[in-house]
Amino acid sequence: MAENRTATIYRMVLPDHICPFGVRAKQMLERAGFEVDDRLLQSRDAVDAFKAEQNVATTPQIVIDGERIGGSDDLERYLERV
């Protein structure tokens, strides 16, 4: 399905917390055959800066073919349609 397709995921991986939604989203992308560009946000400051810069409330955020898909629930709905 996702032959030669890439996705970028921005997800929170802090020293004391790994976001389970980011892990879930990455697994969904890999199962769907996407090559994943995994962008880790490794500090609270990095997470907050990303959210402010992108004008989003949550992470993870997934981008496929230049289009922001959204978070893990949004990704699940997207994968059901394609």
PDB file of N, CA and C in Angstrom:
ATOM      1  N   MET A   1       0.809  -1.190   0.000  1.00  0.00           N
ATOM      2  CA  MET A   1       0.000   0.000   0.000  1.00  0.00           C
ATOM      3  C   MET A   1       0.854   1.256   0.000  1.00  0.00           C
ATOM      4  N   ALA A   2       1.826   1.339   0.901  1.00  0.00           N
ATOM      5  CA  ALA A   2       2.615   2.551   1.062  1.00  0.00           C
ATOM      6  C   ALA A   2       3.954   2.425   0.342  1.00  0.00           C
ATOM      7  N   GLU A   3       3.958   1.762  -0.789  1.00  0.00           N
ATOM      8  CA  GLU A   3       5.192   1.495  -1.522  1.00  0.00           C
ATOM      9  C   GLU A   3       5.987   2.779  -1.754  1.00  0.00           C
ATOM     10  N   ASN A   4       7.245   2.777  -1.274  1.00  0.00           N
ATOM     11  CA  ASN A   4       8.150   3.913  -1.420  1.00  0.00           C
ATOM     12  C   ASN A   4       7.619   5.194  -0.793  1.00  0.00           C
ATOM     13  N   ARG A   5       6.744   5.095   0.161  1.00  0.00           N
ATOM     14  CA  ARG A   5       6.212   6.287   0.813  1.00  0.00           C
ATOM     15  C   ARG A   5       6.941   6.520   2.123  1.00  0.00           C
ATOM     16  N   THR A   6       7.109   7.776   2.438  1.00  0.00           N
ATOM     17  CA  THR A   6       7.747   8.121   3.696  1.00  0.00           C
ATOM     18  C   THR A   6       6.793   8.960   4.539  1.00  0.00           C
ATOM     19  N   ALA A   7       6.988   8.865   5.826  1.00  0.00           N
ATOM     20  CA  ALA A   7       6.223   9.658   6.773  1.00  0.00           C
ATOM     21  C   ALA A   7       7.198  10.209   7.800  1.00  0.00           C
ATOM     22  N   THR A   8       6.922  11.407   8.255  1.00  0.00           N
ATOM     23  CA  THR A   8       7.700  12.005   9.331  1.00  0.00           C
ATOM     24  C   THR A   8       6.820  12.048  10.567  1.00  0.00           C
ATOM     25  N   ILE A   9       7.386  11.598  11.673  1.00  0.00           N
ATOM     26  CA  ILE A   9       6.656  11.648  12.931  1.00  0.00           C
ATOM     27  C   ILE A   9       7.478  12.443  13.934  1.00  0.00           C
ATOM     28  N   TYR A  10       6.829  13.382  14.574  1.00  0.00           N
ATOM     29  CA  TYR A  10       7.417  14.167  15.652  1.00  0.00           C
ATOM     30  C   TYR A  10       6.797  13.640  16.933  1.00  0.00           C
ATOM     31  N   ARG A  11       7.644  13.066  17.812  1.00  0.00           N
ATOM     32  CA  ARG A  11       7.082  12.450  19.013  1.00  0.00           C
ATOM     33  C   ARG A  11       7.948  12.719  20.229  1.00  0.00           C
ATOM     34  N   MET A  12       7.280  12.706  21.382  1.00  0.00           N
ATOM     35  CA  MET A  12       7.922  13.009  22.651  1.00  0.00           C
ATOM     36  C   MET A  12       8.599  11.769  23.219  1.00  0.00           C
ATOM     37  N   VAL A  13       9.908  11.896  23.452  1.00  0.00           N
ATOM     38  CA  VAL A  13      10.683  10.841  24.108  1.00  0.00           C
ATOM     39  C   VAL A  13      11.561  11.545  25.143  1.00  0.00           C
ATOM     40  N   LEU A  14      11.031  11.675  26.354  1.00  0.00           N
ATOM     41  CA  LEU A  14      11.738  12.342  27.439  1.00  0.00           C
ATOM     42  C   LEU A  14      12.488  11.307  28.270  1.00  0.00           C
ATOM     43  N   PRO A  15      13.470  11.757  29.055  1.00  0.00           N
ATOM     44  CA  PRO A  15      14.215  10.797  29.877  1.00  0.00           C
ATOM     45  C   PRO A  15      13.328   9.968  30.808  1.00  0.00           C
ATOM     46  N   ASP A  16      12.237  10.568  31.294  1.00  0.00           N
ATOM     47  CA  ASP A  16      11.374   9.868  32.242  1.00  0.00           C
ATOM     48  C   ASP A  16      10.000   9.500  31.676  1.00  0.00           C
ATOM     49  N   HIS A  17       9.796   9.742  30.374  1.00  0.00           N
ATOM     50  CA  HIS A  17       8.483   9.441  29.782  1.00  0.00           C
ATOM     51  C   HIS A  17       8.602   9.295  28.266  1.00  0.00           C
ATOM     52  N   ILE A  18       8.102   8.200  27.757  1.00  0.00           N
ATOM     53  CA  ILE A  18       7.983   8.003  26.312  1.00  0.00           C
ATOM     54  C   ILE A  18       6.490   7.992  26.003  1.00  0.00           C
ATOM     55  N   CYS A  19       6.071   8.879  25.150  1.00  0.00           N
ATOM     56  CA  CYS A  19       4.651   9.008  24.828  1.00  0.00           C
ATOM     57  C   CYS A  19       4.142   7.730  24.161  1.00  0.00           C
ATOM     58  N   PRO A  20       3.157   7.058  24.776  1.00  0.00           N
ATOM     59  CA  PRO A  20       2.637   5.827  24.177  1.00  0.00           C
ATOM     60  C   PRO A  20       1.916   6.059  22.849  1.00  0.00           C
ATOM     61  N   PHE A  21       1.367   7.246  22.656  1.00  0.00           N
ATOM     62  CA  PHE A  21       0.685   7.543  21.394  1.00  0.00           C
ATOM     63  C   PHE A  21       1.690   7.666  20.255  1.00  0.00           C
ATOM     64  N   GLY A  22       2.874   8.190  20.560  1.00  0.00           N
ATOM     65  CA  GLY A  22       3.938   8.258  19.568  1.00  0.00           C
ATOM     66  C   GLY A  22       4.444   6.882  19.185  1.00  0.00           C
ATOM     67  N   VAL A  23       4.591   6.017  20.181  1.00  0.00           N
ATOM     68  CA  VAL A  23       5.013   4.639  19.912  1.00  0.00           C
ATOM     69  C   VAL A  23       3.973   3.955  19.034  1.00  0.00           C
ATOM     70  N   ARG A  24       2.716   4.127  19.369  1.00  0.00           N
ATOM     71  CA  ARG A  24       1.613   3.524  18.606  1.00  0.00           C
ATOM     72  C   ARG A  24       1.610   4.021  17.163  1.00  0.00           C
ATOM     73  N   ALA A  25       1.768   5.324  16.983  1.00  0.00           N
ATOM     74  CA  ALA A  25       1.748   5.898  15.642  1.00  0.00           C
ATOM     75  C   ALA A  25       2.911   5.371  14.808  1.00  0.00           C
ATOM     76  N   LYS A  26       4.092   5.303  15.397  1.00  0.00           N
ATOM     77  CA  LYS A  26       5.253   4.791  14.665  1.00  0.00           C
ATOM     78  C   LYS A  26       5.016   3.344  14.249  1.00  0.00           C
ATOM     79  N   GLN A  27       4.465   2.537  15.134  1.00  0.00           N
ATOM     80  CA  GLN A  27       4.185   1.137  14.809  1.00  0.00           C
ATOM     81  C   GLN A  27       3.161   1.031  13.689  1.00  0.00           C
ATOM     82  N   MET A  28       2.124   1.856  13.719  1.00  0.00           N
ATOM     83  CA  MET A  28       1.115   1.825  12.653  1.00  0.00           C
ATOM     84  C   MET A  28       1.743   2.159  11.303  1.00  0.00           C
ATOM     85  N   LEU A  29       2.602   3.173  11.285  1.00  0.00           N
ATOM     86  CA  LEU A  29       3.254   3.568  10.040  1.00  0.00           C
ATOM     87  C   LEU A  29       4.131   2.442   9.507  1.00  0.00           C
ATOM     88  N   GLU A  30       4.906   1.835  10.374  1.00  0.00           N
ATOM     89  CA  GLU A  30       5.795   0.747   9.948  1.00  0.00           C
ATOM     90  C   GLU A  30       4.996  -0.448   9.445  1.00  0.00           C
ATOM     91  N   ARG A  31       3.918  -0.796  10.130  1.00  0.00           N
ATOM     92  CA  ARG A  31       3.066  -1.911   9.684  1.00  0.00           C
ATOM     93  C   ARG A  31       2.446  -1.625   8.321  1.00  0.00           C
ATOM     94  N   ALA A  32       2.163  -0.338   8.058  1.00  0.00           N
ATOM     95  CA  ALA A  32       1.560   0.044   6.778  1.00  0.00           C
ATOM     96  C   ALA A  32       2.609   0.156   5.674  1.00  0.00           C
ATOM     97  N   GLY A  33       3.883  -0.066   6.001  1.00  0.00           N
ATOM     98  CA  GLY A  33       4.919  -0.084   4.988  1.00  0.00           C
ATOM     99  C   GLY A  33       5.613   1.246   4.732  1.00  0.00           C
ATOM    100  N   PHE A  34       5.399   2.226   5.586  1.00  0.00           N
ATOM    101  CA  PHE A  34       6.041   3.522   5.413  1.00  0.00           C
ATOM    102  C   PHE A  34       7.474   3.473   5.911  1.00  0.00           C
ATOM    103  N   GLU A  35       8.353   4.190   5.218  1.00  0.00           N
ATOM    104  CA  GLU A  35       9.677   4.482   5.746  1.00  0.00           C
ATOM    105  C   GLU A  35       9.472   5.667   6.685  1.00  0.00           C
ATOM    106  N   VAL A  36       9.899   5.533   7.932  1.00  0.00           N
ATOM    107  CA  VAL A  36       9.583   6.523   8.951  1.00  0.00           C
ATOM    108  C   VAL A  36      10.808   7.381   9.284  1.00  0.00           C
ATOM    109  N   ASP A  37      10.637   8.682   9.139  1.00  0.00           N
ATOM    110  CA  ASP A  37      11.622   9.659   9.601  1.00  0.00           C
ATOM    111  C   ASP A  37      11.179  10.042  11.012  1.00  0.00           C
ATOM    112  N   ASP A  38      11.824   9.457  12.012  1.00  0.00           N
ATOM    113  CA  ASP A  38      11.417   9.563  13.412  1.00  0.00           C
ATOM    114  C   ASP A  38      12.128  10.750  14.068  1.00  0.00           C
ATOM    115  N   ARG A  39      11.397  11.824  14.293  1.00  0.00           N
ATOM    116  CA  ARG A  39      11.948  13.041  14.890  1.00  0.00           C
ATOM    117  C   ARG A  39      11.585  13.063  16.372  1.00  0.00           C
ATOM    118  N   LEU A  40      12.581  12.848  17.210  1.00  0.00           N
ATOM    119  CA  LEU A  40      12.349  12.767  18.649  1.00  0.00           C
ATOM    120  C   LEU A  40      12.444  14.147  19.288  1.00  0.00           C
ATOM    121  N   LEU A  41      11.454  14.453  20.102  1.00  0.00           N
ATOM    122  CA  LEU A  41      11.451  15.669  20.915  1.00  0.00           C
ATOM    123  C   LEU A  41      11.881  15.220  22.309  1.00  0.00           C
ATOM    124  N   GLN A  42      13.127  15.553  22.692  1.00  0.00           N
ATOM    125  CA  GLN A  42      13.743  14.910  23.847  1.00  0.00           C
ATOM    126  C   GLN A  42      13.812  15.749  25.109  1.00  0.00           C
ATOM    127  N   SER A  43      13.110  16.882  25.123  1.00  0.00           N
ATOM    128  CA  SER A  43      13.019  17.680  26.342  1.00  0.00           C
ATOM    129  C   SER A  43      11.661  18.366  26.359  1.00  0.00           C
ATOM    130  N   ARG A  44      11.237  18.758  27.531  1.00  0.00           N
ATOM    131  CA  ARG A  44       9.957  19.469  27.650  1.00  0.00           C
ATOM    132  C   ARG A  44      10.021  20.759  26.833  1.00  0.00           C
ATOM    133  N   ASP A  45      11.172  21.449  26.865  1.00  0.00           N
ATOM    134  CA  ASP A  45      11.318  22.679  26.078  1.00  0.00           C
ATOM    135  C   ASP A  45      11.163  22.405  24.588  1.00  0.00           C
ATOM    136  N   ALA A  46      11.741  21.307  24.105  1.00  0.00           N
ATOM    137  CA  ALA A  46      11.629  20.953  22.684  1.00  0.00           C
ATOM    138  C   ALA A  46      10.178  20.644  22.314  1.00  0.00           C
ATOM    139  N   VAL A  47       9.471  19.946  23.187  1.00  0.00           N
ATOM    140  CA  VAL A  47       8.055  19.629  22.947  1.00  0.00           C
ATOM    141  C   VAL A  47       7.241  20.915  22.885  1.00  0.00           C
ATOM    142  N   ASP A  48       7.425  21.777  23.886  1.00  0.00           N
ATOM    143  CA  ASP A  48       6.664  23.024  23.940  1.00  0.00           C
ATOM    144  C   ASP A  48       6.970  23.923  22.750  1.00  0.00           C
ATOM    145  N   ALA A  49       8.240  24.003  22.346  1.00  0.00           N
ATOM    146  CA  ALA A  49       8.619  24.825  21.190  1.00  0.00           C
ATOM    147  C   ALA A  49       7.997  24.272  19.914  1.00  0.00           C
ATOM    148  N   PHE A  50       8.021  22.949  19.742  1.00  0.00           N
ATOM    149  CA  PHE A  50       7.425  22.334  18.558  1.00  0.00           C
ATOM    150  C   PHE A  50       5.931  22.642  18.491  1.00  0.00           C
ATOM    151  N   LYS A  51       5.235  22.457  19.606  1.00  0.00           N
ATOM    152  CA  LYS A  51       3.789  22.695  19.619  1.00  0.00           C
ATOM    153  C   LYS A  51       3.471  24.156  19.303  1.00  0.00           C
ATOM    154  N   ALA A  52       4.258  25.083  19.847  1.00  0.00           N
ATOM    155  CA  ALA A  52       4.022  26.502  19.580  1.00  0.00           C
ATOM    156  C   ALA A  52       4.319  26.833  18.115  1.00  0.00           C
ATOM    157  N   GLU A  53       5.428  26.320  17.601  1.00  0.00           N
ATOM    158  CA  GLU A  53       5.834  26.596  16.223  1.00  0.00           C
ATOM    159  C   GLU A  53       4.832  26.039  15.214  1.00  0.00           C
ATOM    160  N   GLN A  54       4.314  24.858  15.487  1.00  0.00           N
ATOM    161  CA  GLN A  54       3.390  24.193  14.564  1.00  0.00           C
ATOM    162  C   GLN A  54       1.921  24.510  14.854  1.00  0.00           C
ATOM    163  N   ASN A  55       1.686  25.241  15.941  1.00  0.00           N
ATOM    164  CA  ASN A  55       0.327  25.594  16.353  1.00  0.00           C
ATOM    165  C   ASN A  55      -0.543  24.346  16.551  1.00  0.00           C
ATOM    166  N   VAL A  56       0.001  23.386  17.296  1.00  0.00           N
ATOM    167  CA  VAL A  56      -0.721  22.163  17.629  1.00  0.00           C
ATOM    168  C   VAL A  56      -0.743  21.999  19.152  1.00  0.00           C
ATOM    169  N   ALA A  57      -1.719  21.253  19.637  1.00  0.00           N
ATOM    170  CA  ALA A  57      -1.869  21.083  21.083  1.00  0.00           C
ATOM    171  C   ALA A  57      -1.205  19.823  21.606  1.00  0.00           C
ATOM    172  N   THR A  58      -0.953  18.858  20.714  1.00  0.00           N
ATOM    173  CA  THR A  58      -0.453  17.569  21.184  1.00  0.00           C
ATOM    174  C   THR A  58       0.638  17.018  20.268  1.00  0.00           C
ATOM    175  N   THR A  59       1.359  16.070  20.816  1.00  0.00           N
ATOM    176  CA  THR A  59       2.244  15.222  20.031  1.00  0.00           C
ATOM    177  C   THR A  59       1.784  13.804  20.285  1.00  0.00           C
ATOM    178  N   PRO A  60       2.027  12.897  19.365  1.00  0.00           N
ATOM    179  CA  PRO A  60       2.811  13.032  18.155  1.00  0.00           C
ATOM    180  C   PRO A  60       2.057  13.795  17.068  1.00  0.00           C
ATOM    181  N   GLN A  61       2.820  14.221  16.071  1.00  0.00           N
ATOM    182  CA  GLN A  61       2.263  14.790  14.853  1.00  0.00           C
ATOM    183  C   GLN A  61       2.909  14.054  13.683  1.00  0.00           C
ATOM    184  N   ILE A  62       2.065  13.630  12.757  1.00  0.00           N
ATOM    185  CA  ILE A  62       2.528  12.841  11.616  1.00  0.00           C
ATOM    186  C   ILE A  62       2.320  13.648  10.337  1.00  0.00           C
ATOM    187  N   VAL A  63       3.336  13.625   9.467  1.00  0.00           N
ATOM    188  CA  VAL A  63       3.278  14.297   8.172  1.00  0.00           C
ATOM    189  C   VAL A  63       3.557  13.250   7.102  1.00  0.00           C
ATOM    190  N   ILE A  64       2.654  13.167   6.114  1.00  0.00           N
ATOM    191  CA  ILE A  64       2.811  12.242   4.988  1.00  0.00           C
ATOM    192  C   ILE A  64       2.659  13.048   3.703  1.00  0.00           C
ATOM    193  N   ASP A  65       3.631  12.914   2.816  1.00  0.00           N
ATOM    194  CA  ASP A  65       3.606  13.634   1.535  1.00  0.00           C
ATOM    195  C   ASP A  65       3.379  15.127   1.732  1.00  0.00           C
ATOM    196  N   GLY A  66       4.014  15.706   2.748  1.00  0.00           N
ATOM    197  CA  GLY A  66       3.906  17.133   2.998  1.00  0.00           C
ATOM    198  C   GLY A  66       2.618  17.575   3.658  1.00  0.00           C
ATOM    199  N   GLU A  67       1.721  16.643   3.940  1.00  0.00           N
ATOM    200  CA  GLU A  67       0.430  16.966   4.554  1.00  0.00           C
ATOM    201  C   GLU A  67       0.443  16.529   6.011  1.00  0.00           C
ATOM    202  N   ARG A  68       0.118  17.475   6.918  1.00  0.00           N
ATOM    203  CA  ARG A  68       0.025  17.109   8.330  1.00  0.00           C
ATOM    204  C   ARG A  68      -1.240  16.286   8.536  1.00  0.00           C
ATOM    205  N   ILE A  69      -1.056  15.053   8.984  1.00  0.00           N
ATOM    206  CA  ILE A  69      -2.172  14.144   9.220  1.00  0.00           C
ATOM    207  C   ILE A  69      -2.766  14.402  10.599  1.00  0.00           C
ATOM    208  N   GLY A  70      -1.917  14.672  11.564  1.00  0.00           N
ATOM    209  CA  GLY A  70      -2.346  14.895  12.940  1.00  0.00           C
ATOM    210  C   GLY A  70      -1.704  13.885  13.861  1.00  0.00           C
ATOM    211  N   GLY A  71      -2.435  13.508  14.902  1.00  0.00           N
ATOM    212  CA  GLY A  71      -1.929  12.583  15.904  1.00  0.00           C
ATOM    213  C   GLY A  71      -2.220  11.131  15.578  1.00  0.00           C
ATOM    214  N   SER A  72      -2.075  10.267  16.576  1.00  0.00           N
ATOM    215  CA  SER A  72      -2.206   8.827  16.313  1.00  0.00           C
ATOM    216  C   SER A  72      -3.629   8.434  15.933  1.00  0.00           C
ATOM    217  N   ASP A  73      -4.643   9.037  16.552  1.00  0.00           N
ATOM    218  CA  ASP A  73      -6.027   8.725  16.167  1.00  0.00           C
ATOM    219  C   ASP A  73      -6.305   9.188  14.740  1.00  0.00           C
ATOM    220  N   ASP A  74      -5.798  10.363  14.394  1.00  0.00           N
ATOM    221  CA  ASP A  74      -5.958  10.876  13.026  1.00  0.00           C
ATOM    222  C   ASP A  74      -5.258   9.956  12.026  1.00  0.00           C
ATOM    223  N   LEU A  75      -4.075   9.480  12.417  1.00  0.00           N
ATOM    224  CA  LEU A  75      -3.339   8.564  11.548  1.00  0.00           C
ATOM    225  C   LEU A  75      -4.117   7.271  11.334  1.00  0.00           C
ATOM    226  N   GLU A  76      -4.707   6.756  12.388  1.00  0.00           N
ATOM    227  CA  GLU A  76      -5.491   5.524  12.264  1.00  0.00           C
ATOM    228  C   GLU A  76      -6.628   5.714  11.253  1.00  0.00           C
ATOM    229  N   ARG A  77      -7.335   6.829  11.339  1.00  0.00           N
ATOM    230  CA  ARG A  77      -8.420   7.107  10.385  1.00  0.00           C
ATOM    231  C   ARG A  77      -7.865   7.269   8.962  1.00  0.00           C
ATOM    232  N   TYR A  78      -6.729   7.943   8.824  1.00  0.00           N
ATOM    233  CA  TYR A  78      -6.098   8.140   7.519  1.00  0.00           C
ATOM    234  C   TYR A  78      -5.753   6.789   6.888  1.00  0.00           C
ATOM    235  N   LEU A  79      -5.144   5.904   7.668  1.00  0.00           N
ATOM    236  CA  LEU A  79      -4.728   4.604   7.141  1.00  0.00           C
ATOM    237  C   LEU A  79      -5.926   3.739   6.753  1.00  0.00           C
ATOM    238  N   GLU A  80      -7.049   3.919   7.398  1.00  0.00           N
ATOM    239  CA  GLU A  80      -8.261   3.180   7.030  1.00  0.00           C
ATOM    240  C   GLU A  80      -8.787   3.616   5.668  1.00  0.00           C
ATOM    241  N   ARG A  81      -8.529   4.873   5.289  1.00  0.00           N
ATOM    242  CA  ARG A  81      -9.040   5.424   4.028  1.00  0.00           C
ATOM    243  C   ARG A  81      -8.155   5.141   2.846  1.00  0.00           C
ATOM    244  N   VAL A  82      -6.859   4.945   3.062  1.00  0.00           N
ATOM    245  CA  VAL A  82      -5.935   4.765   1.928  1.00  0.00           C
ATOM    246  C   VAL A  82      -5.656   3.312   1.649  1.00  0.00           C
TER     247      VAL A  82
END
